Amino acid sequence: MGQNGKDYVIQKVKELINAPSCCADAKEAAQNWLDAIGTEKEAEQAKNMIAELEMDIVTVDDLIAFAGSDAGAKVFGEEKAKEVAAHGKELKASGAKYCDCPACSAVEAILEKKAEIL
């Protein structure tokens, strides 16, 4: 990956780490990769980060299902869960594949560079 590509991925990884919607496991994997850049552990940590992000990214269908569930109502609150579900349906109608929260948006951008990272 060229330096411009690497700088782009680093920026997106930092956005992911700072996203309020980012889970602890993704933050840890992302930080581990950042810490390993330029070391013999970079490739290993890149694989670990990509594997974690592929597990964590939320599809639009999963977003809609979660927001419409009892668990979603507990996390978001009943009214906000309805808004999130409606937003998910709008995303799906527009052809989006993934949730557009800050964490998922950053993950999607990182995964688009997966071949270059690995």
PDB file of N, CA and C in Angstrom:
ATOM      1  N   MET A   1       0.873  -1.174   0.000  1.00  0.00           N
ATOM      2  CA  MET A   1       0.000   0.000   0.000  1.00  0.00           C
ATOM      3  C   MET A   1       0.906   1.218   0.000  1.00  0.00           C
ATOM      4  N   GLY A   2       0.556   2.187  -0.837  1.00  0.00           N
ATOM      5  CA  GLY A   2       1.309   3.428  -0.870  1.00  0.00           C
ATOM      6  C   GLY A   2       1.077   4.252   0.383  1.00  0.00           C
ATOM      7  N   GLN A   3       1.900   5.262   0.565  1.00  0.00           N
ATOM      8  CA  GLN A   3       1.795   6.075   1.783  1.00  0.00           C
ATOM      9  C   GLN A   3       0.451   6.784   1.869  1.00  0.00           C
ATOM     10  N   ASN A   4      -0.082   7.258   0.736  1.00  0.00           N
ATOM     11  CA  ASN A   4      -1.395   7.929   0.766  1.00  0.00           C
ATOM     12  C   ASN A   4      -2.483   6.962   1.219  1.00  0.00           C
ATOM     13  N   GLY A   5      -2.424   5.733   0.713  1.00  0.00           N
ATOM     14  CA  GLY A   5      -3.393   4.717   1.123  1.00  0.00           C
ATOM     15  C   GLY A   5      -3.263   4.375   2.596  1.00  0.00           C
ATOM     16  N   LYS A   6      -2.027   4.264   3.056  1.00  0.00           N
ATOM     17  CA  LYS A   6      -1.792   3.938   4.465  1.00  0.00           C
ATOM     18  C   LYS A   6      -2.276   5.084   5.359  1.00  0.00           C
ATOM     19  N   ASP A   7      -1.984   6.322   4.944  1.00  0.00           N
ATOM     20  CA  ASP A   7      -2.440   7.475   5.723  1.00  0.00           C
ATOM     21  C   ASP A   7      -3.959   7.511   5.801  1.00  0.00           C
ATOM     22  N   TYR A   8      -4.627   7.162   4.699  1.00  0.00           N
ATOM     23  CA  TYR A   8      -6.093   7.122   4.678  1.00  0.00           C
ATOM     24  C   TYR A   8      -6.608   6.084   5.674  1.00  0.00           C
ATOM     25  N   VAL A   9      -6.025   4.888   5.641  1.00  0.00           N
ATOM     26  CA  VAL A   9      -6.465   3.824   6.551  1.00  0.00           C
ATOM     27  C   VAL A   9      -6.188   4.221   7.994  1.00  0.00           C
ATOM     28  N   ILE A  10      -5.035   4.792   8.260  1.00  0.00           N
ATOM     29  CA  ILE A  10      -4.713   5.236   9.623  1.00  0.00           C
ATOM     30  C   ILE A  10      -5.750   6.251  10.097  1.00  0.00           C
ATOM     31  N   GLN A  11      -6.119   7.178   9.228  1.00  0.00           N
ATOM     32  CA  GLN A  11      -7.142   8.179   9.580  1.00  0.00           C
ATOM     33  C   GLN A  11      -8.462   7.498   9.918  1.00  0.00           C
ATOM     34  N   LYS A  12      -8.873   6.533   9.103  1.00  0.00           N
ATOM     35  CA  LYS A  12     -10.136   5.828   9.339  1.00  0.00           C
ATOM     36  C   LYS A  12     -10.074   4.987  10.611  1.00  0.00           C
ATOM     37  N   VAL A  13      -8.923   4.388  10.895  1.00  0.00           N
ATOM     38  CA  VAL A  13      -8.767   3.602  12.116  1.00  0.00           C
ATOM     39  C   VAL A  13      -8.887   4.516  13.339  1.00  0.00           C
ATOM     40  N   LYS A  14      -8.296   5.693  13.256  1.00  0.00           N
ATOM     41  CA  LYS A  14      -8.411   6.648  14.367  1.00  0.00           C
ATOM     42  C   LYS A  14      -9.857   7.116  14.531  1.00  0.00           C
ATOM     43  N   GLU A  15     -10.560   7.324  13.413  1.00  0.00           N
ATOM     44  CA  GLU A  15     -11.984   7.686  13.489  1.00  0.00           C
ATOM     45  C   GLU A  15     -12.768   6.575  14.174  1.00  0.00           C
ATOM     46  N   LEU A  16     -12.447   5.339  13.833  1.00  0.00           N
ATOM     47  CA  LEU A  16     -13.119   4.192  14.450  1.00  0.00           C
ATOM     48  C   LEU A  16     -12.895   4.186  15.960  1.00  0.00           C
ATOM     49  N   ILE A  17     -11.652   4.323  16.369  1.00  0.00           N
ATOM     50  CA  ILE A  17     -11.321   4.297  17.793  1.00  0.00           C
ATOM     51  C   ILE A  17     -12.075   5.392  18.550  1.00  0.00           C
ATOM     52  N   ASN A  18     -12.233   6.542  17.932  1.00  0.00           N
ATOM     53  CA  ASN A  18     -12.888   7.681  18.584  1.00  0.00           C
ATOM     54  C   ASN A  18     -14.408   7.676  18.460  1.00  0.00           C
ATOM     55  N   ALA A  19     -14.957   6.758  17.689  1.00  0.00           N
ATOM     56  CA  ALA A  19     -16.409   6.699  17.491  1.00  0.00           C
ATOM     57  C   ALA A  19     -17.096   6.195  18.758  1.00  0.00           C
ATOM     58  N   PRO A  20     -18.103   6.913  19.247  1.00  0.00           N
ATOM     59  CA  PRO A  20     -18.809   6.471  20.458  1.00  0.00           C
ATOM     60  C   PRO A  20     -19.483   5.106  20.279  1.00  0.00           C
ATOM     61  N   SER A  21     -19.805   4.749  19.044  1.00  0.00           N
ATOM     62  CA  SER A  21     -20.492   3.488  18.787  1.00  0.00           C
ATOM     63  C   SER A  21     -19.533   2.321  18.568  1.00  0.00           C
ATOM     64  N   CYS A  22     -18.243   2.547  18.721  1.00  0.00           N
ATOM     65  CA  CYS A  22     -17.245   1.488  18.527  1.00  0.00           C
ATOM     66  C   CYS A  22     -17.155   0.613  19.781  1.00  0.00           C
ATOM     67  N   CYS A  23     -17.186  -0.702  19.578  1.00  0.00           N
ATOM     68  CA  CYS A  23     -17.088  -1.623  20.714  1.00  0.00           C
ATOM     69  C   CYS A  23     -15.639  -1.740  21.179  1.00  0.00           C
ATOM     70  N   ALA A  24     -15.468  -2.224  22.386  1.00  0.00           N
ATOM     71  CA  ALA A  24     -14.141  -2.330  23.003  1.00  0.00           C
ATOM     72  C   ALA A  24     -13.213  -3.257  22.215  1.00  0.00           C
ATOM     73  N   ASP A  25     -13.730  -4.361  21.705  1.00  0.00           N
ATOM     74  CA  ASP A  25     -12.884  -5.300  20.963  1.00  0.00           C
ATOM     75  C   ASP A  25     -12.343  -4.672  19.683  1.00  0.00           C
ATOM     76  N   ALA A  26     -13.173  -3.919  18.980  1.00  0.00           N
ATOM     77  CA  ALA A  26     -12.719  -3.258  17.756  1.00  0.00           C
ATOM     78  C   ALA A  26     -11.701  -2.174  18.083  1.00  0.00           C
ATOM     79  N   LYS A  27     -11.942  -1.414  19.156  1.00  0.00           N
ATOM     80  CA  LYS A  27     -10.978  -0.383  19.569  1.00  0.00           C
ATOM     81  C   LYS A  27      -9.623  -1.014  19.869  1.00  0.00           C
ATOM     82  N   GLU A  28      -9.646  -2.115  20.586  1.00  0.00           N
ATOM     83  CA  GLU A  28      -8.397  -2.779  20.947  1.00  0.00           C
ATOM     84  C   GLU A  28      -7.658  -3.289  19.703  1.00  0.00           C
ATOM     85  N   ALA A  29      -8.381  -3.948  18.806  1.00  0.00           N
ATOM     86  CA  ALA A  29      -7.753  -4.473  17.589  1.00  0.00           C
ATOM     87  C   ALA A  29      -7.200  -3.341  16.730  1.00  0.00           C
ATOM     88  N   ALA A  30      -7.944  -2.248  16.638  1.00  0.00           N
ATOM     89  CA  ALA A  30      -7.496  -1.098  15.851  1.00  0.00           C
ATOM     90  C   ALA A  30      -6.256  -0.465  16.467  1.00  0.00           C
ATOM     91  N   GLN A  31      -6.259  -0.295  17.781  1.00  0.00           N
ATOM     92  CA  GLN A  31      -5.110   0.304  18.454  1.00  0.00           C
ATOM     93  C   GLN A  31      -3.889  -0.603  18.353  1.00  0.00           C
ATOM     94  N   ASN A  32      -4.095  -1.904  18.450  1.00  0.00           N
ATOM     95  CA  ASN A  32      -2.989  -2.851  18.318  1.00  0.00           C
ATOM     96  C   ASN A  32      -2.343  -2.735  16.941  1.00  0.00           C
ATOM     97  N   TRP A  33      -3.167  -2.562  15.899  1.00  0.00           N
ATOM     98  CA  TRP A  33      -2.622  -2.395  14.551  1.00  0.00           C
ATOM     99  C   TRP A  33      -1.846  -1.089  14.451  1.00  0.00           C
ATOM    100  N   LEU A  34      -2.427  -0.013  14.963  1.00  0.00           N
ATOM    101  CA  LEU A  34      -1.714   1.270  14.928  1.00  0.00           C
ATOM    102  C   LEU A  34      -0.360   1.152  15.635  1.00  0.00           C
ATOM    103  N   ASP A  35      -0.354   0.505  16.787  1.00  0.00           N
ATOM    104  CA  ASP A  35       0.881   0.357  17.562  1.00  0.00           C
ATOM    105  C   ASP A  35       1.914  -0.510  16.840  1.00  0.00           C
ATOM    106  N   ALA A  36       1.454  -1.412  15.979  1.00  0.00           N
ATOM    107  CA  ALA A  36       2.350  -2.350  15.291  1.00  0.00           C
ATOM    108  C   ALA A  36       2.864  -1.821  13.952  1.00  0.00           C
ATOM    109  N   ILE A  37       2.348  -0.712  13.483  1.00  0.00           N
ATOM    110  CA  ILE A  37       2.781  -0.191  12.180  1.00  0.00           C
ATOM    111  C   ILE A  37       4.295   0.004  12.194  1.00  0.00           C
ATOM    112  N   GLY A  38       4.934  -0.537  11.155  1.00  0.00           N
ATOM    113  CA  GLY A  38       6.377  -0.403  11.024  1.00  0.00           C
ATOM    114  C   GLY A  38       7.175  -1.438  11.794  1.00  0.00           C
ATOM    115  N   THR A  39       6.487  -2.376  12.439  1.00  0.00           N
ATOM    116  CA  THR A  39       7.169  -3.429  13.187  1.00  0.00           C
ATOM    117  C   THR A  39       6.913  -4.775  12.520  1.00  0.00           C
ATOM    118  N   GLU A  40       7.585  -5.806  13.021  1.00  0.00           N
ATOM    119  CA  GLU A  40       7.385  -7.159  12.488  1.00  0.00           C
ATOM    120  C   GLU A  40       5.991  -7.696  12.817  1.00  0.00           C
ATOM    121  N   LYS A  41       5.273  -7.043  13.708  1.00  0.00           N
ATOM    122  CA  LYS A  41       3.927  -7.486  14.106  1.00  0.00           C
ATOM    123  C   LYS A  41       2.818  -6.839  13.267  1.00  0.00           C
ATOM    124  N   GLU A  42       3.175  -5.941  12.363  1.00  0.00           N
ATOM    125  CA  GLU A  42       2.149  -5.207  11.613  1.00  0.00           C
ATOM    126  C   GLU A  42       1.218  -6.134  10.832  1.00  0.00           C
ATOM    127  N   ALA A  43       1.762  -7.091  10.098  1.00  0.00           N
ATOM    128  CA  ALA A  43       0.929  -7.985   9.288  1.00  0.00           C
ATOM    129  C   ALA A  43      -0.003  -8.823  10.167  1.00  0.00           C
ATOM    130  N   GLU A  44       0.516  -9.327  11.259  1.00  0.00           N
ATOM    131  CA  GLU A  44      -0.298 -10.127  12.184  1.00  0.00           C
ATOM    132  C   GLU A  44      -1.435  -9.284  12.769  1.00  0.00           C
ATOM    133  N   GLN A  45      -1.104  -8.076  13.198  1.00  0.00           N
ATOM    134  CA  GLN A  45      -2.122  -7.208  13.784  1.00  0.00           C
ATOM    135  C   GLN A  45      -3.119  -6.730  12.730  1.00  0.00           C
ATOM    136  N   ALA A  46      -2.677  -6.590  11.497  1.00  0.00           N
ATOM    137  CA  ALA A  46      -3.595  -6.234  10.413  1.00  0.00           C
ATOM    138  C   ALA A  46      -4.631  -7.344  10.227  1.00  0.00           C
ATOM    139  N   LYS A  47      -4.167  -8.585  10.213  1.00  0.00           N
ATOM    140  CA  LYS A  47      -5.086  -9.725  10.078  1.00  0.00           C
ATOM    141  C   LYS A  47      -6.070  -9.760  11.238  1.00  0.00           C
ATOM    142  N   ASN A  48      -5.567  -9.542  12.453  1.00  0.00           N
ATOM    143  CA  ASN A  48      -6.434  -9.547  13.634  1.00  0.00           C
ATOM    144  C   ASN A  48      -7.478  -8.434  13.548  1.00  0.00           C
ATOM    145  N   MET A  49      -7.041  -7.250  13.138  1.00  0.00           N
ATOM    146  CA  MET A  49      -7.967  -6.119  13.045  1.00  0.00           C
ATOM    147  C   MET A  49      -9.041  -6.384  11.993  1.00  0.00           C
ATOM    148  N   ILE A  50      -8.641  -6.840  10.830  1.00  0.00           N
ATOM    149  CA  ILE A  50      -9.611  -7.100   9.762  1.00  0.00           C
ATOM    150  C   ILE A  50     -10.613  -8.154  10.206  1.00  0.00           C
ATOM    151  N   ALA A  51     -10.140  -9.218  10.825  1.00  0.00           N
ATOM    152  CA  ALA A  51     -11.052 -10.275  11.307  1.00  0.00           C
ATOM    153  C   ALA A  51     -12.054  -9.702  12.301  1.00  0.00           C
ATOM    154  N   GLU A  52     -11.589  -8.866  13.221  1.00  0.00           N
ATOM    155  CA  GLU A  52     -12.482  -8.265  14.214  1.00  0.00           C
ATOM    156  C   GLU A  52     -13.495  -7.344  13.550  1.00  0.00           C
ATOM    157  N   LEU A  53     -13.033  -6.524  12.629  1.00  0.00           N
ATOM    158  CA  LEU A  53     -13.937  -5.569  11.985  1.00  0.00           C
ATOM    159  C   LEU A  53     -14.977  -6.273  11.130  1.00  0.00           C
ATOM    160  N   GLU A  54     -14.588  -7.361  10.477  1.00  0.00           N
ATOM    161  CA  GLU A  54     -15.560  -8.125   9.687  1.00  0.00           C
ATOM    162  C   GLU A  54     -16.648  -8.724  10.573  1.00  0.00           C
ATOM    163  N   MET A  55     -16.295  -9.066  11.802  1.00  0.00           N
ATOM    164  CA  MET A  55     -17.294  -9.594  12.740  1.00  0.00           C
ATOM    165  C   MET A  55     -18.186  -8.492  13.294  1.00  0.00           C
ATOM    166  N   ASP A  56     -17.632  -7.299  13.433  1.00  0.00           N
ATOM    167  CA  ASP A  56     -18.329  -6.230  14.146  1.00  0.00           C
ATOM    168  C   ASP A  56     -19.215  -5.338  13.286  1.00  0.00           C
ATOM    169  N   ILE A  57     -18.916  -5.199  12.005  1.00  0.00           N
ATOM    170  CA  ILE A  57     -19.703  -4.281  11.187  1.00  0.00           C
ATOM    171  C   ILE A  57     -21.159  -4.753  11.159  1.00  0.00           C
ATOM    172  N   VAL A  58     -22.066  -3.815  11.274  1.00  0.00           N
ATOM    173  CA  VAL A  58     -23.493  -4.128  11.370  1.00  0.00           C
ATOM    174  C   VAL A  58     -24.149  -3.902  10.019  1.00  0.00           C
ATOM    175  N   THR A  59     -24.784  -4.954   9.506  1.00  0.00           N
ATOM    176  CA  THR A  59     -25.517  -4.801   8.253  1.00  0.00           C
ATOM    177  C   THR A  59     -26.799  -4.010   8.517  1.00  0.00           C
ATOM    178  N   VAL A  60     -27.347  -3.459   7.461  1.00  0.00           N
ATOM    179  CA  VAL A  60     -28.601  -2.718   7.592  1.00  0.00           C
ATOM    180  C   VAL A  60     -29.695  -3.640   8.124  1.00  0.00           C
ATOM    181  N   ASP A  61     -29.743  -4.865   7.631  1.00  0.00           N
ATOM    182  CA  ASP A  61     -30.760  -5.813   8.105  1.00  0.00           C
ATOM    183  C   ASP A  61     -30.598  -6.099   9.599  1.00  0.00           C
ATOM    184  N   ASP A  62     -29.349  -6.255  10.047  1.00  0.00           N
ATOM    185  CA  ASP A  62     -29.119  -6.489  11.477  1.00  0.00           C
ATOM    186  C   ASP A  62     -29.472  -5.258  12.308  1.00  0.00           C
ATOM    187  N   LEU A  63     -29.196  -4.075  11.780  1.00  0.00           N
ATOM    188  CA  LEU A  63     -29.558  -2.838  12.470  1.00  0.00           C
ATOM    189  C   LEU A  63     -31.070  -2.752  12.662  1.00  0.00           C
ATOM    190  N   ILE A  64     -31.799  -3.025  11.604  1.00  0.00           N
ATOM    191  CA  ILE A  64     -33.263  -2.971  11.661  1.00  0.00           C
ATOM    192  C   ILE A  64     -33.787  -3.997  12.668  1.00  0.00           C
ATOM    193  N   ALA A  65     -33.250  -5.209  12.587  1.00  0.00           N
ATOM    194  CA  ALA A  65     -33.695  -6.275  13.492  1.00  0.00           C
ATOM    195  C   ALA A  65     -33.379  -5.934  14.949  1.00  0.00           C
ATOM    196  N   PHE A  66     -32.170  -5.422  15.208  1.00  0.00           N
ATOM    197  CA  PHE A  66     -31.797  -5.096  16.575  1.00  0.00           C
ATOM    198  C   PHE A  66     -32.645  -3.947  17.107  1.00  0.00           C
ATOM    199  N   ALA A  67     -32.800  -2.908  16.309  1.00  0.00           N
ATOM    200  CA  ALA A  67     -33.585  -1.752  16.760  1.00  0.00           C
ATOM    201  C   ALA A  67     -35.028  -2.141  17.040  1.00  0.00           C
ATOM    202  N   GLY A  68     -35.537  -3.131  16.337  1.00  0.00           N
ATOM    203  CA  GLY A  68     -36.909  -3.572  16.538  1.00  0.00           C
ATOM    204  C   GLY A  68     -37.088  -4.605  17.633  1.00  0.00           C
ATOM    205  N   SER A  69     -36.005  -4.968  18.289  1.00  0.00           N
ATOM    206  CA  SER A  69     -36.069  -6.003  19.324  1.00  0.00           C
ATOM    207  C   SER A  69     -36.167  -5.382  20.721  1.00  0.00           C
ATOM    208  N   ASP A  70     -36.469  -6.231  21.693  1.00  0.00           N
ATOM    209  CA  ASP A  70     -36.478  -5.788  23.088  1.00  0.00           C
ATOM    210  C   ASP A  70     -35.095  -5.297  23.508  1.00  0.00           C
ATOM    211  N   ALA A  71     -34.058  -5.989  23.045  1.00  0.00           N
ATOM    212  CA  ALA A  71     -32.685  -5.575  23.380  1.00  0.00           C
ATOM    213  C   ALA A  71     -32.390  -4.190  22.806  1.00  0.00           C
ATOM    214  N   GLY A  72     -32.855  -3.939  21.595  1.00  0.00           N
ATOM    215  CA  GLY A  72     -32.664  -2.625  20.975  1.00  0.00           C
ATOM    216  C   GLY A  72     -33.378  -1.534  21.751  1.00  0.00           C
ATOM    217  N   ALA A  73     -34.576  -1.833  22.224  1.00  0.00           N
ATOM    218  CA  ALA A  73     -35.333  -0.866  23.030  1.00  0.00           C
ATOM    219  C   ALA A  73     -34.614  -0.570  24.343  1.00  0.00           C
ATOM    220  N   LYS A  74     -33.955  -1.584  24.907  1.00  0.00           N
ATOM    221  CA  LYS A  74     -33.214  -1.373  26.148  1.00  0.00           C
ATOM    222  C   LYS A  74     -31.974  -0.508  25.906  1.00  0.00           C
ATOM    223  N   VAL A  75     -31.301  -0.726  24.781  1.00  0.00           N
ATOM    224  CA  VAL A  75     -30.083   0.026  24.479  1.00  0.00           C
ATOM    225  C   VAL A  75     -30.408   1.467  24.087  1.00  0.00           C
ATOM    226  N   PHE A  76     -31.364   1.628  23.180  1.00  0.00           N
ATOM    227  CA  PHE A  76     -31.660   2.948  22.621  1.00  0.00           C
ATOM    228  C   PHE A  76     -32.762   3.698  23.368  1.00  0.00           C
ATOM    229  N   GLY A  77     -33.589   2.963  24.097  1.00  0.00           N
ATOM    230  CA  GLY A  77     -34.824   3.539  24.613  1.00  0.00           C
ATOM    231  C   GLY A  77     -35.898   3.281  23.557  1.00  0.00           C
ATOM    232  N   GLU A  78     -37.140   3.155  23.999  1.00  0.00           N
ATOM    233  CA  GLU A  78     -38.202   2.732  23.088  1.00  0.00           C
ATOM    234  C   GLU A  78     -38.390   3.657  21.885  1.00  0.00           C
ATOM    235  N   GLU A  79     -38.449   4.951  22.115  1.00  0.00           N
ATOM    236  CA  GLU A  79     -38.672   5.896  21.018  1.00  0.00           C
ATOM    237  C   GLU A  79     -37.483   5.962  20.066  1.00  0.00           C
ATOM    238  N   LYS A  80     -36.298   6.030  20.635  1.00  0.00           N
ATOM    239  CA  LYS A  80     -35.090   6.107  19.803  1.00  0.00           C
ATOM    240  C   LYS A  80     -34.935   4.827  18.990  1.00  0.00           C
ATOM    241  N   ALA A  81     -35.282   3.687  19.558  1.00  0.00           N
ATOM    242  CA  ALA A  81     -35.202   2.415  18.834  1.00  0.00           C
ATOM    243  C   ALA A  81     -36.093   2.448  17.597  1.00  0.00           C
ATOM    244  N   LYS A  82     -37.284   3.037  17.727  1.00  0.00           N
ATOM    245  CA  LYS A  82     -38.174   3.165  16.571  1.00  0.00           C
ATOM    246  C   LYS A  82     -37.545   4.055  15.504  1.00  0.00           C
ATOM    247  N   GLU A  83     -36.892   5.135  15.946  1.00  0.00           N
ATOM    248  CA  GLU A  83     -36.212   6.028  15.002  1.00  0.00           C
ATOM    249  C   GLU A  83     -35.057   5.310  14.297  1.00  0.00           C
ATOM    250  N   VAL A  84     -34.306   4.540  15.059  1.00  0.00           N
ATOM    251  CA  VAL A  84     -33.175   3.809  14.483  1.00  0.00           C
ATOM    252  C   VAL A  84     -33.678   2.772  13.478  1.00  0.00           C
ATOM    253  N   ALA A  85     -34.740   2.068  13.817  1.00  0.00           N
ATOM    254  CA  ALA A  85     -35.313   1.083  12.894  1.00  0.00           C
ATOM    255  C   ALA A  85     -35.794   1.766  11.613  1.00  0.00           C
ATOM    256  N   ALA A  86     -36.458   2.899  11.752  1.00  0.00           N
ATOM    257  CA  ALA A  86     -36.929   3.638  10.572  1.00  0.00           C
ATOM    258  C   ALA A  86     -35.744   4.112   9.729  1.00  0.00           C
ATOM    259  N   HIS A  87     -34.703   4.588  10.399  1.00  0.00           N
ATOM    260  CA  HIS A  87     -33.504   5.020   9.683  1.00  0.00           C
ATOM    261  C   HIS A  87     -32.875   3.840   8.944  1.00  0.00           C
ATOM    262  N   GLY A  88     -32.824   2.693   9.597  1.00  0.00           N
ATOM    263  CA  GLY A  88     -32.298   1.490   8.955  1.00  0.00           C
ATOM    264  C   GLY A  88     -33.080   1.131   7.703  1.00  0.00           C
ATOM    265  N   LYS A  89     -34.397   1.278   7.770  1.00  0.00           N
ATOM    266  CA  LYS A  89     -35.231   0.986   6.600  1.00  0.00           C
ATOM    267  C   LYS A  89     -34.961   1.981   5.481  1.00  0.00           C
ATOM    268  N   GLU A  90     -34.713   3.245   5.837  1.00  0.00           N
ATOM    269  CA  GLU A  90     -34.357   4.252   4.832  1.00  0.00           C
ATOM    270  C   GLU A  90     -33.015   3.906   4.182  1.00  0.00           C
ATOM    271  N   LEU A  91     -32.060   3.490   5.010  1.00  0.00           N
ATOM    272  CA  LEU A  91     -30.759   3.091   4.474  1.00  0.00           C
ATOM    273  C   LEU A  91     -30.907   1.929   3.496  1.00  0.00           C
ATOM    274  N   LYS A  92     -31.693   0.943   3.899  1.00  0.00           N
ATOM    275  CA  LYS A  92     -31.890  -0.230   3.047  1.00  0.00           C
ATOM    276  C   LYS A  92     -32.538   0.175   1.732  1.00  0.00           C
ATOM    277  N   ALA A  93     -33.533   1.042   1.799  1.00  0.00           N
ATOM    278  CA  ALA A  93     -34.223   1.494   0.591  1.00  0.00           C
ATOM    279  C   ALA A  93     -33.275   2.244  -0.351  1.00  0.00           C
ATOM    280  N   SER A  94     -32.276   2.897   0.226  1.00  0.00           N
ATOM    281  CA  SER A  94     -31.322   3.646  -0.597  1.00  0.00           C
ATOM    282  C   SER A  94     -30.214   2.748  -1.149  1.00  0.00           C
ATOM    283  N   GLY A  95     -30.227   1.477  -0.759  1.00  0.00           N
ATOM    284  CA  GLY A  95     -29.242   0.534  -1.270  1.00  0.00           C
ATOM    285  C   GLY A  95     -28.029   0.341  -0.377  1.00  0.00           C
ATOM    286  N   ALA A  96     -28.032   0.965   0.805  1.00  0.00           N
ATOM    287  CA  ALA A  96     -26.901   0.814   1.716  1.00  0.00           C
ATOM    288  C   ALA A  96     -26.825  -0.625   2.221  1.00  0.00           C
ATOM    289  N   LYS A  97     -25.624  -1.088   2.434  1.00  0.00           N
ATOM    290  CA  LYS A  97     -25.409  -2.449   2.925  1.00  0.00           C
ATOM    291  C   LYS A  97     -25.187  -2.468   4.432  1.00  0.00           C
ATOM    292  N   TYR A  98     -24.590  -1.376   4.956  1.00  0.00           N
ATOM    293  CA  TYR A  98     -24.216  -1.334   6.359  1.00  0.00           C
ATOM    294  C   TYR A  98     -24.827  -0.149   7.087  1.00  0.00           C
ATOM    295  N   CYS A  99     -24.853  -0.264   8.394  1.00  0.00           N
ATOM    296  CA  CYS A  99     -25.229   0.824   9.288  1.00  0.00           C
ATOM    297  C   CYS A  99     -24.324   2.019   8.970  1.00  0.00           C
ATOM    298  N   ASP A 100     -24.833   3.221   9.172  1.00  0.00           N
ATOM    299  CA  ASP A 100     -24.032   4.407   8.867  1.00  0.00           C
ATOM    300  C   ASP A 100     -23.592   5.166  10.114  1.00  0.00           C
ATOM    301  N   CYS A 101     -23.588   4.499  11.267  1.00  0.00           N
ATOM    302  CA  CYS A 101     -23.060   5.146  12.474  1.00  0.00           C
ATOM    303  C   CYS A 101     -21.567   5.419  12.248  1.00  0.00           C
ATOM    304  N   PRO A 102     -20.960   6.269  13.062  1.00  0.00           N
ATOM    305  CA  PRO A 102     -19.545   6.585  12.856  1.00  0.00           C
ATOM    306  C   PRO A 102     -18.629   5.351  12.861  1.00  0.00           C
ATOM    307  N   ALA A 103     -18.879   4.403  13.742  1.00  0.00           N
ATOM    308  CA  ALA A 103     -18.025   3.214  13.800  1.00  0.00           C
ATOM    309  C   ALA A 103     -18.179   2.363  12.539  1.00  0.00           C
ATOM    310  N   CYS A 104     -19.402   2.059  12.164  1.00  0.00           N
ATOM    311  CA  CYS A 104     -19.618   1.214  10.980  1.00  0.00           C
ATOM    312  C   CYS A 104     -19.147   1.912   9.707  1.00  0.00           C
ATOM    313  N   SER A 105     -19.310   3.214   9.626  1.00  0.00           N
ATOM    314  CA  SER A 105     -18.830   3.959   8.459  1.00  0.00           C
ATOM    315  C   SER A 105     -17.312   3.858   8.346  1.00  0.00           C
ATOM    316  N   ALA A 106     -16.617   3.992   9.471  1.00  0.00           N
ATOM    317  CA  ALA A 106     -15.161   3.866   9.462  1.00  0.00           C
ATOM    318  C   ALA A 106     -14.746   2.441   9.102  1.00  0.00           C
ATOM    319  N   VAL A 107     -15.429   1.455   9.671  1.00  0.00           N
ATOM    320  CA  VAL A 107     -15.116   0.057   9.378  1.00  0.00           C
ATOM    321  C   VAL A 107     -15.325  -0.225   7.888  1.00  0.00           C
ATOM    322  N   GLU A 108     -16.410   0.252   7.327  1.00  0.00           N
ATOM    323  CA  GLU A 108     -16.662   0.019   5.904  1.00  0.00           C
ATOM    324  C   GLU A 108     -15.524   0.594   5.067  1.00  0.00           C
ATOM    325  N   ALA A 109     -15.074   1.798   5.396  1.00  0.00           N
ATOM    326  CA  ALA A 109     -13.971   2.421   4.661  1.00  0.00           C
ATOM    327  C   ALA A 109     -12.678   1.612   4.812  1.00  0.00           C
ATOM    328  N   ILE A 110     -12.422   1.110   6.012  1.00  0.00           N
ATOM    329  CA  ILE A 110     -11.217   0.304   6.254  1.00  0.00           C
ATOM    330  C   ILE A 110     -11.297  -0.996   5.469  1.00  0.00           C
ATOM    331  N   LEU A 111     -12.448  -1.655   5.511  1.00  0.00           N
ATOM    332  CA  LEU A 111     -12.595  -2.939   4.816  1.00  0.00           C
ATOM    333  C   LEU A 111     -12.493  -2.784   3.306  1.00  0.00           C
ATOM    334  N   GLU A 112     -12.828  -1.612   2.784  1.00  0.00           N
ATOM    335  CA  GLU A 112     -12.655  -1.365   1.348  1.00  0.00           C
ATOM    336  C   GLU A 112     -11.180  -1.411   0.961  1.00  0.00           C
ATOM    337  N   LYS A 113     -10.289  -1.229   1.913  1.00  0.00           N
ATOM    338  CA  LYS A 113      -8.840  -1.260   1.683  1.00  0.00           C
ATOM    339  C   LYS A 113      -8.218  -2.558   2.201  1.00  0.00           C
ATOM    340  N   LYS A 114      -9.065  -3.532   2.501  1.00  0.00           N
ATOM    341  CA  LYS A 114      -8.616  -4.790   3.095  1.00  0.00           C
ATOM    342  C   LYS A 114      -7.464  -5.431   2.315  1.00  0.00           C
ATOM    343  N   ALA A 115      -7.605  -5.553   1.018  1.00  0.00           N
ATOM    344  CA  ALA A 115      -6.573  -6.215   0.206  1.00  0.00           C
ATOM    345  C   ALA A 115      -5.242  -5.486   0.314  1.00  0.00           C
ATOM    346  N   GLU A 116      -5.287  -4.180   0.421  1.00  0.00           N
ATOM    347  CA  GLU A 116      -4.054  -3.406   0.535  1.00  0.00           C
ATOM    348  C   GLU A 116      -3.449  -3.508   1.918  1.00  0.00           C
ATOM    349  N   ILE A 117      -4.295  -3.657   2.941  1.00  0.00           N
ATOM    350  CA  ILE A 117      -3.817  -3.735   4.321  1.00  0.00           C
ATOM    351  C   ILE A 117      -3.137  -5.081   4.574  1.00  0.00           C
ATOM    352  N   LEU A 118      -3.749  -6.135   4.012  1.00  0.00           N
ATOM    353  CA  LEU A 118      -3.226  -7.488   4.266  1.00  0.00           C
ATOM    354  C   LEU A 118      -2.109  -7.812   3.345  1.00  0.00           C
TER     355      LEU A 118
END
